[in-house]
Amino acid sequence: MGGLKKSIVEAIKTYNKYRSPEAEAKLIKYEDNELFIEFKGPFCQGCGVYDYFEDFIYELKGIVDVEMEIKGVEKIGEEAFRVQYSVGERKDTP
């Protein structure tokens, strides 16, 4: 699990590098195959807000091959959302 958490932190840094200031991700919690990330920002008005949450999945999969999906989204302010992801088993490639 330590290796995956390190990959999550790396994916968040890369995500923020390319999407800030429109969206910025922050790790809230990762345990028991559940990942909670808070997204803040004005978000692009022409884009669907869910696209930002799905983009994080692709960012992490670019680092480590893992099953992942959005389980829930909670709006927590004018420009903030807390997103719950389920994280499956890491796939090791030969």
Protein backbone atom coordinates (compact mmCIF):
# COMPACT_ATOMS: atom_id res chain seq x y z
CA MET A 1 0.00 0.00 0.00
CA GLY A 2 2.89 2.37 0.65
CA GLY A 3 3.91 2.22 -3.01
CA LEU A 4 0.42 3.05 -4.21
CA LYS A 5 0.07 5.98 -1.82
CA LYS A 6 3.37 7.35 -3.16
CA SER A 7 1.98 7.01 -6.71
CA ILE A 8 -1.21 8.84 -5.63
CA VAL A 9 0.84 11.73 -4.24
CA GLU A 10 2.89 11.85 -7.46
CA ALA A 11 -0.29 11.84 -9.58
CA ILE A 12 -1.72 14.72 -7.53
CA LYS A 13 1.45 16.79 -8.10
CA THR A 14 1.29 16.19 -11.85
CA TYR A 15 -2.47 16.82 -11.92
CA ASN A 16 -2.03 20.17 -10.16
CA LYS A 17 0.88 21.15 -12.39
CA TYR A 18 -1.30 20.98 -15.49
CA ARG A 19 -4.75 21.91 -14.16
CA SER A 20 -4.13 24.61 -11.60
CA PRO A 21 -5.56 27.24 -11.14
CA GLU A 22 -8.79 25.88 -12.70
CA ALA A 23 -8.67 22.82 -10.45
CA GLU A 24 -6.39 21.76 -7.65
CA ALA A 25 -6.43 18.34 -6.01
CA LYS A 26 -5.56 17.57 -2.39
CA LEU A 27 -5.29 14.12 -0.82
CA ILE A 28 -7.71 13.80 2.08
CA LYS A 29 -7.46 10.10 2.90
CA TYR A 30 -6.42 6.77 1.42
CA GLU A 31 -7.21 3.55 3.26
CA ASP A 32 -9.00 0.26 2.75
CA ASN A 33 -9.06 0.69 -1.02
CA GLU A 34 -10.88 4.01 -0.73
CA LEU A 35 -9.38 7.29 -1.83
CA PHE A 36 -10.77 10.71 -0.95
CA ILE A 37 -9.54 13.76 -2.84
CA GLU A 38 -10.72 17.33 -2.48
CA PHE A 39 -10.85 19.39 -5.65
CA LYS A 40 -10.95 23.19 -5.43
CA GLY A 41 -11.01 25.88 -8.05
CA PRO A 42 -13.20 27.91 -10.33
CA PHE A 43 -13.21 25.01 -12.84
CA CYS A 44 -13.58 25.69 -16.54
CA GLN A 45 -17.15 26.78 -17.18
CA GLY A 46 -17.23 25.09 -20.60
CA CYS A 47 -16.10 21.74 -19.20
CA GLY A 48 -18.13 19.32 -17.15
CA VAL A 49 -16.93 19.36 -13.55
CA TYR A 50 -16.89 15.54 -13.52
CA ASP A 51 -14.24 15.64 -16.24
CA TYR A 52 -11.80 17.02 -13.67
CA PHE A 53 -12.50 14.09 -11.36
CA GLU A 54 -12.16 11.54 -14.15
CA ASP A 55 -8.93 13.19 -15.32
CA PHE A 56 -7.36 12.25 -11.99
CA ILE A 57 -8.04 8.57 -12.72
CA TYR A 58 -6.11 8.85 -15.99
CA GLU A 59 -3.29 10.71 -14.26
CA LEU A 60 -2.87 7.92 -11.70
CA LYS A 61 -3.18 5.18 -14.33
CA GLY A 62 -0.34 6.85 -16.20
CA ILE A 63 1.87 6.05 -13.21
CA VAL A 64 0.50 2.72 -12.01
CA ASP A 65 -1.93 0.27 -13.59
CA VAL A 66 -4.76 0.05 -11.07
CA GLU A 67 -8.52 -0.37 -11.22
CA MET A 68 -10.26 2.81 -10.09
CA GLU A 69 -13.69 4.41 -10.26
CA ILE A 70 -15.63 7.31 -8.79
CA LYS A 71 -17.92 6.15 -5.98
CA GLY A 72 -19.32 9.48 -4.83
CA VAL A 73 -19.07 13.25 -5.16
CA GLU A 74 -19.97 15.74 -2.45
CA LYS A 75 -20.08 19.48 -3.03
CA ILE A 76 -18.48 21.13 0.00
CA GLY A 77 -18.44 24.79 -0.95
CA GLU A 78 -18.80 27.27 -3.76
CA GLU A 79 -15.75 25.93 -5.58
CA ALA A 80 -14.94 22.65 -3.84
CA PHE A 81 -15.85 18.98 -4.11
CA ARG A 82 -14.82 15.90 -2.15
CA VAL A 83 -14.59 12.86 -4.42
CA GLN A 84 -14.53 9.27 -3.22
CA TYR A 85 -12.80 6.73 -5.45
CA SER A 86 -12.65 2.98 -5.07
CA VAL A 87 -9.20 1.64 -5.79
CA GLY A 88 -8.84 -1.97 -6.82
CA GLU A 89 -5.86 -4.23 -7.04
CA ARG A 90 -2.70 -3.00 -8.61
CA LYS A 91 -2.01 -4.79 -11.89
CA ASP A 92 1.59 -5.82 -12.29
CA THR A 93 2.71 -5.86 -15.87
CA PRO A 94 5.21 -8.56 -16.89
